[in-house]
Amino acid sequence: MKTEYKQLLKPEIVNSVSGLSLIARVIVDGYLHGQNHSRRVGAGMEFSQYRGYEPGDDLRRLDWKVLARSGRYYIKQSEIETNIAVKFIVDASKSMLHKEDGISKSEYVKVVIASLAHLCQNQGDAVGLFALNNQNVRSVFPKMQKQHFNRFLLELINIKNEGKWPDNPGIIENIHNRGEKELIILISDMYESSTEITNLIKSLKTSRNEIVLFQITGKREMDFDYKGTVTFEDLETGQRIKIDAEKAKQDYLNAFKEKINTVKDDLLANDISYQLFRMDENIGQLLQIFLKNRNRLV
């Protein structure tokens, strides 16, 4: 029987390398199975044209039949030939510990990143991981080897959510390579004191890269379906506030919508993709958005 990935979204499964790898495979295989035709073509797959051999080309892609007939060296050129570095930047602040249906945003983001990284591995892309908060920076620079992918997953499950988003803009200097073609995926709940996360995202943009922000929210955050008197706690500051949920609902929803629109408009104006995503939605949609932005680089 086909496994539904949502059945696997349990902390004890998400927080192990084997469990996270399993969930990623289930999600990616399920997504690819639903596609009628993938335009991604790589070594050993369908190709669109030939090009002349160049030193350093993989000889396994040399067309020996053409060589035998013509004496010329031709390489089967993929429909998409790429050497893309995909860098995942994850918000490791304490606000990402917010839970819904037994799983935190942080754990859910681990599943999202593992799935996207698994897809990258299938595409032959190098993947890197950077987890940021004002207490620590966890870094795994991009590589594409299988051993690297296992280390990538290990670092992913070892992310410790603490503090808040770093207020030091220079933190990206060791992350960002302005001279390379790269796809940067930043995942955050966008809880910012001012515009510190938005500003960092904009500072990453160059003419050679693509940047995508996935803003992760919970269903209850979006719908605010609380009843009666509720006490809310700011996970980053510990501050608590008691409110009448029904009276506060409309003001909250208006402020939330305004914040989303402000961030979205600001990023789009800087040629940065924005996607709001709820934890109860199908992760396969994010894979499709990811591939769309990836293909803009090739």
Foldseek 3Di string as FASTA:
>chain_A
DQDDLVVLLAPVLLLDLVSLLVSLCSQQVVLVVPDPDDLQWDPPGDADDKDADDPPDDCSQWDVVCCVVPVGTIGRHHSDDDAAEEEEEEEQAQQQQDDDPNHGNLSLVLSLVLNLVVVCLVSQYWYKYWYFDQVDIDTDGTDRDPVSSSVVSNSSSPRHHYAGGHQDLCPCVVPADQVDQYEYEYEELPPDPPCRVLVSQLVRDDPRYAYEYENEDEPCLQQVPDAAWDWDADRNPRDIDIDHSVVCVVVSNVVVVVVVVVSCVSQVVSVHHYHYDYSPDRSSVVSVVVVVRVVVND
